[in-house]
Amino acid sequence: MFGTASYLGVKRAIFDGAWNGGRLTFLTRTQEVLDDWNNPRQVVHHYRGRLSGDAITFILQSEGGYSESLPVQFTATRVSDGASEPVR
């Protein structure tokens, strides 16, 4: 699997993506900086999702940054092909 994913509106490349029996798993990576721009840390974001109808319920957990990150649960829903932004 390949493509991009966006949690907060910035597209990130998908790594190690897999689709198996209605379950989706993949990673994205970002960098985090605290005070020293010459010392960024790589953050790995682990996504685990389960398909149900036109929605995927995800659990997102990040590791490797400057602060502790607790798992976040959210639901992604399908939007029409012509939609430019998700409906809120």
PDB file of N, CA and C in Angstrom:
ATOM      1  N   MET A   1       0.840  -1.156   0.000  1.00  0.00           N
ATOM      2  CA  MET A   1       0.000   0.000   0.000  1.00  0.00           C
ATOM      3  C   MET A   1       0.898   1.234   0.000  1.00  0.00           C
ATOM      4  N   PHE A   2       0.451   2.262  -0.724  1.00  0.00           N
ATOM      5  CA  PHE A   2       1.204   3.509  -0.746  1.00  0.00           C
ATOM      6  C   PHE A   2       0.223   4.668  -0.856  1.00  0.00           C
ATOM      7  N   GLY A   3       0.688   5.860  -0.588  1.00  0.00           N
ATOM      8  CA  GLY A   3      -0.146   7.050  -0.664  1.00  0.00           C
ATOM      9  C   GLY A   3       0.216   8.005   0.446  1.00  0.00           C
ATOM     10  N   THR A   4      -0.747   8.846   0.821  1.00  0.00           N
ATOM     11  CA  THR A   4      -0.537   9.810   1.892  1.00  0.00           C
ATOM     12  C   THR A   4      -1.688   9.739   2.887  1.00  0.00           C
ATOM     13  N   ALA A   5      -1.421  10.220   4.080  1.00  0.00           N
ATOM     14  CA  ALA A   5      -2.434  10.323   5.123  1.00  0.00           C
ATOM     15  C   ALA A   5      -2.263  11.679   5.792  1.00  0.00           C
ATOM     16  N   SER A   6      -3.358  12.224   6.295  1.00  0.00           N
ATOM     17  CA  SER A   6      -3.311  13.523   6.950  1.00  0.00           C
ATOM     18  C   SER A   6      -4.202  13.507   8.175  1.00  0.00           C
ATOM     19  N   TYR A   7      -3.620  13.751   9.330  1.00  0.00           N
ATOM     20  CA  TYR A   7      -4.403  13.827  10.564  1.00  0.00           C
ATOM     21  C   TYR A   7      -4.751  15.278  10.881  1.00  0.00           C
ATOM     22  N   LEU A   8      -3.807  16.179  10.704  1.00  0.00           N
ATOM     23  CA  LEU A   8      -4.029  17.594  11.009  1.00  0.00           C
ATOM     24  C   LEU A   8      -3.906  18.481   9.772  1.00  0.00           C
ATOM     25  N   GLY A   9      -4.168  17.922   8.592  1.00  0.00           N
ATOM     26  CA  GLY A   9      -4.205  18.722   7.380  1.00  0.00           C
ATOM     27  C   GLY A   9      -2.926  18.757   6.566  1.00  0.00           C
ATOM     28  N   VAL A  10      -1.850  18.140   7.034  1.00  0.00           N
ATOM     29  CA  VAL A  10      -0.594  18.098   6.278  1.00  0.00           C
ATOM     30  C   VAL A  10      -0.381  16.663   5.809  1.00  0.00           C
ATOM     31  N   LYS A  11      -0.295  16.468   4.495  1.00  0.00           N
ATOM     32  CA  LYS A  11      -0.138  15.121   3.957  1.00  0.00           C
ATOM     33  C   LYS A  11       1.237  14.557   4.305  1.00  0.00           C
ATOM     34  N   ARG A  12       1.238  13.303   4.738  1.00  0.00           N
ATOM     35  CA  ARG A  12       2.475  12.581   5.063  1.00  0.00           C
ATOM     36  C   ARG A  12       2.485  11.263   4.305  1.00  0.00           C
ATOM     37  N   ALA A  13       3.650  10.834   3.875  1.00  0.00           N
ATOM     38  CA  ALA A  13       3.777   9.566   3.156  1.00  0.00           C
ATOM     39  C   ALA A  13       3.443   8.399   4.074  1.00  0.00           C
ATOM     40  N   ILE A  14       2.762   7.392   3.511  1.00  0.00           N
ATOM     41  CA  ILE A  14       2.431   6.172   4.239  1.00  0.00           C
ATOM     42  C   ILE A  14       3.566   5.174   4.084  1.00  0.00           C
ATOM     43  N   PHE A  15       3.971   4.551   5.192  1.00  0.00           N
ATOM     44  CA  PHE A  15       4.984   3.500   5.198  1.00  0.00           C
ATOM     45  C   PHE A  15       4.388   2.244   5.817  1.00  0.00           C
ATOM     46  N   ASP A  16       4.847   1.098   5.383  1.00  0.00           N
ATOM     47  CA  ASP A  16       4.464  -0.195   5.970  1.00  0.00           C
ATOM     48  C   ASP A  16       2.947  -0.371   6.054  1.00  0.00           C
ATOM     49  N   GLY A  17       2.238   0.055   5.012  1.00  0.00           N
ATOM     50  CA  GLY A  17       0.786  -0.063   5.010  1.00  0.00           C
ATOM     51  C   GLY A  17       0.321  -1.468   4.675  1.00  0.00           C
ATOM     52  N   ALA A  18      -0.758  -1.895   5.326  1.00  0.00           N
ATOM     53  CA  ALA A  18      -1.327  -3.219   5.069  1.00  0.00           C
ATOM     54  C   ALA A  18      -2.834  -3.161   5.262  1.00  0.00           C
ATOM     55  N   TRP A  19      -3.543  -3.911   4.426  1.00  0.00           N
ATOM     56  CA  TRP A  19      -5.000  -4.045   4.517  1.00  0.00           C
ATOM     57  C   TRP A  19      -5.286  -5.521   4.637  1.00  0.00           C
ATOM     58  N   ASN A  20      -5.955  -5.928   5.711  1.00  0.00           N
ATOM     59  CA  ASN A  20      -6.181  -7.350   5.938  1.00  0.00           C
ATOM     60  C   ASN A  20      -7.529  -7.549   6.635  1.00  0.00           C
ATOM     61  N   GLY A  21      -8.504  -8.055   5.905  1.00  0.00           N
ATOM     62  CA  GLY A  21      -9.789  -8.402   6.495  1.00  0.00           C
ATOM     63  C   GLY A  21     -10.513  -7.260   7.175  1.00  0.00           C
ATOM     64  N   GLY A  22     -10.541  -6.091   6.561  1.00  0.00           N
ATOM     65  CA  GLY A  22     -11.226  -4.946   7.153  1.00  0.00           C
ATOM     66  C   GLY A  22     -10.398  -4.171   8.154  1.00  0.00           C
ATOM     67  N   ARG A  23      -9.146  -4.560   8.320  1.00  0.00           N
ATOM     68  CA  ARG A  23      -8.238  -3.841   9.225  1.00  0.00           C
ATOM     69  C   ARG A  23      -7.130  -3.177   8.415  1.00  0.00           C
ATOM     70  N   LEU A  24      -6.835  -1.949   8.768  1.00  0.00           N
ATOM     71  CA  LEU A  24      -5.834  -1.148   8.084  1.00  0.00           C
ATOM     72  C   LEU A  24      -4.762  -0.751   9.087  1.00  0.00           C
ATOM     73  N   THR A  25      -3.502  -0.935   8.726  1.00  0.00           N
ATOM     74  CA  THR A  25      -2.396  -0.473   9.563  1.00  0.00           C
ATOM     75  C   THR A  25      -1.379   0.229   8.683  1.00  0.00           C
ATOM     76  N   PHE A  26      -0.788   1.295   9.199  1.00  0.00           N
ATOM     77  CA  PHE A  26       0.290   1.976   8.489  1.00  0.00           C
ATOM     78  C   PHE A  26       1.010   2.926   9.434  1.00  0.00           C
ATOM     79  N   LEU A  27       2.147   3.434   8.971  1.00  0.00           N
ATOM     80  CA  LEU A  27       2.960   4.399   9.709  1.00  0.00           C
ATOM     81  C   LEU A  27       3.110   5.670   8.890  1.00  0.00           C
ATOM     82  N   THR A  28       3.254   6.801   9.574  1.00  0.00           N
ATOM     83  CA  THR A  28       3.745   8.024   8.954  1.00  0.00           C
ATOM     84  C   THR A  28       4.857   8.549   9.853  1.00  0.00           C
ATOM     85  N   ARG A  29       5.654   9.458   9.315  1.00  0.00           N
ATOM     86  CA  ARG A  29       6.771  10.020  10.085  1.00  0.00           C
ATOM     87  C   ARG A  29       6.777  11.534   9.966  1.00  0.00           C
ATOM     88  N   THR A  30       7.123  12.198  11.056  1.00  0.00           N
ATOM     89  CA  THR A  30       7.317  13.645  11.064  1.00  0.00           C
ATOM     90  C   THR A  30       8.539  13.955  11.911  1.00  0.00           C
ATOM     91  N   GLN A  31       8.935  15.224  11.914  1.00  0.00           N
ATOM     92  CA  GLN A  31      10.020  15.654  12.788  1.00  0.00           C
ATOM     93  C   GLN A  31       9.484  16.667  13.779  1.00  0.00           C
ATOM     94  N   GLU A  32      10.039  16.641  14.975  1.00  0.00           N
ATOM     95  CA  GLU A  32       9.658  17.542  16.046  1.00  0.00           C
ATOM     96  C   GLU A  32      10.900  18.305  16.489  1.00  0.00           C
ATOM     97  N   VAL A  33      10.739  19.602  16.721  1.00  0.00           N
ATOM     98  CA  VAL A  33      11.863  20.434  17.153  1.00  0.00           C
ATOM     99  C   VAL A  33      11.480  21.126  18.456  1.00  0.00           C
ATOM    100  N   LEU A  34      12.409  21.148  19.393  1.00  0.00           N
ATOM    101  CA  LEU A  34      12.222  21.855  20.653  1.00  0.00           C
ATOM    102  C   LEU A  34      13.463  22.702  20.900  1.00  0.00           C
ATOM    103  N   ASP A  35      13.348  23.987  20.739  1.00  0.00           N
ATOM    104  CA  ASP A  35      14.426  24.963  20.960  1.00  0.00           C
ATOM    105  C   ASP A  35      15.534  24.911  19.917  1.00  0.00           C
ATOM    106  N   ASP A  36      16.148  23.766  19.684  1.00  0.00           N
ATOM    107  CA  ASP A  36      17.328  23.654  18.818  1.00  0.00           C
ATOM    108  C   ASP A  36      16.947  23.060  17.452  1.00  0.00           C
ATOM    109  N   TRP A  37      16.866  23.919  16.422  1.00  0.00           N
ATOM    110  CA  TRP A  37      16.496  23.470  15.075  1.00  0.00           C
ATOM    111  C   TRP A  37      17.513  22.502  14.489  1.00  0.00           C
ATOM    112  N   ASN A  38      18.713  22.424  15.067  1.00  0.00           N
ATOM    113  CA  ASN A  38      19.732  21.495  14.588  1.00  0.00           C
ATOM    114  C   ASN A  38      19.607  20.115  15.219  1.00  0.00           C
ATOM    115  N   ASN A  39      18.624  19.936  16.109  1.00  0.00           N
ATOM    116  CA  ASN A  39      18.461  18.666  16.800  1.00  0.00           C
ATOM    117  C   ASN A  39      16.998  18.179  16.743  1.00  0.00           C
ATOM    118  N   PRO A  40      16.481  17.943  15.519  1.00  0.00           N
ATOM    119  CA  PRO A  40      15.101  17.464  15.437  1.00  0.00           C
ATOM    120  C   PRO A  40      15.004  15.995  15.836  1.00  0.00           C
ATOM    121  N   ARG A  41      13.832  15.594  16.289  1.00  0.00           N
ATOM    122  CA  ARG A  41      13.571  14.184  16.606  1.00  0.00           C
ATOM    123  C   ARG A  41      12.543  13.646  15.623  1.00  0.00           C
ATOM    124  N   GLN A  42      12.768  12.414  15.197  1.00  0.00           N
ATOM    125  CA  GLN A  42      11.803  11.773  14.317  1.00  0.00           C
ATOM    126  C   GLN A  42      10.678  11.182  15.151  1.00  0.00           C
ATOM    127  N   VAL A  43       9.453  11.469  14.759  1.00  0.00           N
ATOM    128  CA  VAL A  43       8.272  10.932  15.419  1.00  0.00           C
ATOM    129  C   VAL A  43       7.619   9.947  14.454  1.00  0.00           C
ATOM    130  N   VAL A  44       7.327   8.750  14.938  1.00  0.00           N
ATOM    131  CA  VAL A  44       6.648   7.732  14.144  1.00  0.00           C
ATOM    132  C   VAL A  44       5.212   7.645  14.642  1.00  0.00           C
ATOM    133  N   HIS A  45       4.261   7.765  13.702  1.00  0.00           N
ATOM    134  CA  HIS A  45       2.839   7.724  14.027  1.00  0.00           C
ATOM    135  C   HIS A  45       2.280   6.384  13.551  1.00  0.00           C
ATOM    136  N   HIS A  46       1.780   5.581  14.485  1.00  0.00           N
ATOM    137  CA  HIS A  46       1.224   4.254  14.190  1.00  0.00           C
ATOM    138  C   HIS A  46      -0.297   4.368  14.098  1.00  0.00           C
ATOM    139  N   TYR A  47      -0.844   4.009  12.949  1.00  0.00           N
ATOM    140  CA  TYR A  47      -2.297   4.026  12.741  1.00  0.00           C
ATOM    141  C   TYR A  47      -2.801   2.587  12.667  1.00  0.00           C
ATOM    142  N   ARG A  48      -3.893   2.310  13.412  1.00  0.00           N
ATOM    143  CA  ARG A  48      -4.600   1.031  13.315  1.00  0.00           C
ATOM    144  C   ARG A  48      -6.065   1.365  13.126  1.00  0.00           C
ATOM    145  N   GLY A  49      -6.656   0.835  12.048  1.00  0.00           N
ATOM    146  CA  GLY A  49      -8.042   1.168  11.775  1.00  0.00           C
ATOM    147  C   GLY A  49      -8.881  -0.052  11.459  1.00  0.00           C
ATOM    148  N   ARG A  50     -10.205   0.105  11.660  1.00  0.00           N
ATOM    149  CA  ARG A  50     -11.161  -0.959  11.345  1.00  0.00           C
ATOM    150  C   ARG A  50     -12.275  -0.344  10.503  1.00  0.00           C
ATOM    151  N   LEU A  51     -12.520  -0.955   9.339  1.00  0.00           N
ATOM    152  CA  LEU A  51     -13.549  -0.490   8.418  1.00  0.00           C
ATOM    153  C   LEU A  51     -14.927  -0.909   8.895  1.00  0.00           C
ATOM    154  N   SER A  52     -15.877   0.033   8.825  1.00  0.00           N
ATOM    155  CA  SER A  52     -17.273  -0.245   9.136  1.00  0.00           C
ATOM    156  C   SER A  52     -18.119   0.650   8.235  1.00  0.00           C
ATOM    157  N   GLY A  53     -18.703   0.080   7.178  1.00  0.00           N
ATOM    158  CA  GLY A  53     -19.476   0.870   6.218  1.00  0.00           C
ATOM    159  C   GLY A  53     -18.581   1.839   5.477  1.00  0.00           C
ATOM    160  N   ASP A  54     -18.945   3.122   5.497  1.00  0.00           N
ATOM    161  CA  ASP A  54     -18.143   4.165   4.840  1.00  0.00           C
ATOM    162  C   ASP A  54     -17.209   4.882   5.808  1.00  0.00           C
ATOM    163  N   ALA A  55     -16.903   4.272   6.940  1.00  0.00           N
ATOM    164  CA  ALA A  55     -16.053   4.907   7.943  1.00  0.00           C
ATOM    165  C   ALA A  55     -14.962   3.937   8.409  1.00  0.00           C
ATOM    166  N   ILE A  56     -13.860   4.514   8.825  1.00  0.00           N
ATOM    167  CA  ILE A  56     -12.779   3.742   9.434  1.00  0.00           C
ATOM    168  C   ILE A  56     -12.511   4.350  10.804  1.00  0.00           C
ATOM    169  N   THR A  57     -12.624   3.538  11.831  1.00  0.00           N
ATOM    170  CA  THR A  57     -12.301   3.980  13.187  1.00  0.00           C
ATOM    171  C   THR A  57     -10.831   3.676  13.432  1.00  0.00           C
ATOM    172  N   PHE A  58     -10.080   4.716  13.746  1.00  0.00           N
ATOM    173  CA  PHE A  58      -8.635   4.602  13.921  1.00  0.00           C
ATOM    174  C   PHE A  58      -8.237   4.776  15.380  1.00  0.00           C
ATOM    175  N   ILE A  59      -7.121   4.164  15.717  1.00  0.00           N
ATOM    176  CA  ILE A  59      -6.369   4.491  16.927  1.00  0.00           C
ATOM    177  C   ILE A  59      -4.991   4.920  16.440  1.00  0.00           C
ATOM    178  N   LEU A  60      -4.578   6.109  16.868  1.00  0.00           N
ATOM    179  CA  LEU A  60      -3.293   6.688  16.478  1.00  0.00           C
ATOM    180  C   LEU A  60      -2.428   6.806  17.715  1.00  0.00           C
ATOM    181  N   GLN A  61      -1.214   6.271  17.632  1.00  0.00           N
ATOM    182  CA  GLN A  61      -0.257   6.412  18.725  1.00  0.00           C
ATOM    183  C   GLN A  61       1.082   6.829  18.134  1.00  0.00           C
ATOM    184  N   SER A  62       1.708   7.822  18.748  1.00  0.00           N
ATOM    185  CA  SER A  62       2.973   8.359  18.256  1.00  0.00           C
ATOM    186  C   SER A  62       4.089   8.074  19.246  1.00  0.00           C
ATOM    187  N   GLU A  63       5.305   7.923  18.710  1.00  0.00           N
ATOM    188  CA  GLU A  63       6.461   7.673  19.574  1.00  0.00           C
ATOM    189  C   GLU A  63       7.687   8.383  19.033  1.00  0.00           C
ATOM    190  N   GLY A  64       8.576   8.751  19.936  1.00  0.00           N
ATOM    191  CA  GLY A  64       9.867   9.288  19.552  1.00  0.00           C
ATOM    192  C   GLY A  64      10.011  10.786  19.656  1.00  0.00           C
ATOM    193  N   GLY A  65       8.975  11.500  20.025  1.00  0.00           N
ATOM    194  CA  GLY A  65       9.055  12.951  20.115  1.00  0.00           C
ATOM    195  C   GLY A  65       9.567  13.430  21.454  1.00  0.00           C
ATOM    196  N   TYR A  66       9.405  14.711  21.689  1.00  0.00           N
ATOM    197  CA  TYR A  66       9.869  15.318  22.941  1.00  0.00           C
ATOM    198  C   TYR A  66       8.875  15.154  24.079  1.00  0.00           C
ATOM    199  N   SER A  67       7.627  14.826  23.749  1.00  0.00           N
ATOM    200  CA  SER A  67       6.635  14.692  24.811  1.00  0.00           C
ATOM    201  C   SER A  67       5.912  13.356  24.702  1.00  0.00           C
ATOM    202  N   GLU A  68       5.313  12.936  25.807  1.00  0.00           N
ATOM    203  CA  GLU A  68       4.564  11.689  25.834  1.00  0.00           C
ATOM    204  C   GLU A  68       3.304  11.847  24.993  1.00  0.00           C
ATOM    205  N   SER A  69       2.960  10.794  24.276  1.00  0.00           N
ATOM    206  CA  SER A  69       1.780  10.836  23.428  1.00  0.00           C
ATOM    207  C   SER A  69       0.870   9.670  23.764  1.00  0.00           C
ATOM    208  N   LEU A  70      -0.325   9.981  24.237  1.00  0.00           N
ATOM    209  CA  LEU A  70      -1.301   8.945  24.529  1.00  0.00           C
ATOM    210  C   LEU A  70      -2.052   8.584  23.247  1.00  0.00           C
ATOM    211  N   PRO A  71      -2.587   7.374  23.145  1.00  0.00           N
ATOM    212  CA  PRO A  71      -3.347   6.995  21.957  1.00  0.00           C
ATOM    213  C   PRO A  71      -4.567   7.906  21.765  1.00  0.00           C
ATOM    214  N   VAL A  72      -4.871   8.195  20.506  1.00  0.00           N
ATOM    215  CA  VAL A  72      -6.017   9.020  20.133  1.00  0.00           C
ATOM    216  C   VAL A  72      -6.923   8.179  19.254  1.00  0.00           C
ATOM    217  N   GLN A  73      -8.232   8.187  19.538  1.00  0.00           N
ATOM    218  CA  GLN A  73      -9.183   7.474  18.693  1.00  0.00           C
ATOM    219  C   GLN A  73      -9.990   8.495  17.906  1.00  0.00           C
ATOM    220  N   PHE A  74     -10.185   8.236  16.598  1.00  0.00           N
ATOM    221  CA  PHE A  74     -10.993   9.111  15.754  1.00  0.00           C
ATOM    222  C   PHE A  74     -11.598   8.278  14.639  1.00  0.00           C
ATOM    223  N   THR A  75     -12.601   8.831  13.971  1.00  0.00           N
ATOM    224  CA  THR A  75     -13.261   8.147  12.867  1.00  0.00           C
ATOM    225  C   THR A  75     -13.122   8.974  11.608  1.00  0.00           C
ATOM    226  N   ALA A  76     -12.644   8.342  10.550  1.00  0.00           N
ATOM    227  CA  ALA A  76     -12.540   8.968   9.234  1.00  0.00           C
ATOM    228  C   ALA A  76     -13.727   8.496   8.404  1.00  0.00           C
ATOM    229  N   THR A  77     -14.434   9.443   7.768  1.00  0.00           N
ATOM    230  CA  THR A  77     -15.580   9.086   6.946  1.00  0.00           C
ATOM    231  C   THR A  77     -15.330   9.452   5.496  1.00  0.00           C
ATOM    232  N   ARG A  78     -15.951   8.703   4.605  1.00  0.00           N
ATOM    233  CA  ARG A  78     -15.811   8.935   3.173  1.00  0.00           C
ATOM    234  C   ARG A  78     -16.531  10.223   2.787  1.00  0.00           C
ATOM    235  N   VAL A  79     -15.877  11.017   1.952  1.00  0.00           N
ATOM    236  CA  VAL A  79     -16.512  12.211   1.384  1.00  0.00           C
ATOM    237  C   VAL A  79     -16.650  11.991  -0.105  1.00  0.00           C
ATOM    238  N   SER A  80     -17.539  12.726  -0.741  1.00  0.00           N
ATOM    239  CA  SER A  80     -17.738  12.553  -2.178  1.00  0.00           C
ATOM    240  C   SER A  80     -16.473  12.929  -2.936  1.00  0.00           C
ATOM    241  N   ASP A  81     -16.310  12.346  -4.116  1.00  0.00           N
ATOM    242  CA  ASP A  81     -15.110  12.594  -4.913  1.00  0.00           C
ATOM    243  C   ASP A  81     -14.935  14.067  -5.263  1.00  0.00           C
ATOM    244  N   GLY A  82     -16.021  14.816  -5.373  1.00  0.00           N
ATOM    245  CA  GLY A  82     -15.954  16.231  -5.732  1.00  0.00           C
ATOM    246  C   GLY A  82     -15.732  17.161  -4.566  1.00  0.00           C
ATOM    247  N   ALA A  83     -15.712  16.629  -3.344  1.00  0.00           N
ATOM    248  CA  ALA A  83     -15.568  17.493  -2.160  1.00  0.00           C
ATOM    249  C   ALA A  83     -14.151  17.996  -2.038  1.00  0.00           C
ATOM    250  N   SER A  84     -14.007  19.282  -1.755  1.00  0.00           N
ATOM    251  CA  SER A  84     -12.672  19.847  -1.583  1.00  0.00           C
ATOM    252  C   SER A  84     -12.232  19.812  -0.122  1.00  0.00           C
ATOM    253  N   GLU A  85     -13.185  19.821   0.793  1.00  0.00           N
ATOM    254  CA  GLU A  85     -12.869  19.762   2.220  1.00  0.00           C
ATOM    255  C   GLU A  85     -13.853  18.827   2.906  1.00  0.00           C
ATOM    256  N   PRO A  86     -13.440  18.196   3.992  1.00  0.00           N
ATOM    257  CA  PRO A  86     -14.389  17.371   4.741  1.00  0.00           C
ATOM    258  C   PRO A  86     -15.509  18.226   5.316  1.00  0.00           C
ATOM    259  N   VAL A  87     -16.686  17.668   5.389  1.00  0.00           N
ATOM    260  CA  VAL A  87     -17.816  18.360   5.995  1.00  0.00           C
ATOM    261  C   VAL A  87     -17.729  18.165   7.489  1.00  0.00           C
ATOM    262  N   ARG A  88     -17.908  19.226   8.247  1.00  0.00           N
ATOM    263  CA  ARG A  88     -17.811  19.161   9.708  1.00  0.00           C
ATOM    264  C   ARG A  88     -19.170  19.318  10.321  1.00  0.00           C
TER     265      ARG A  88
END
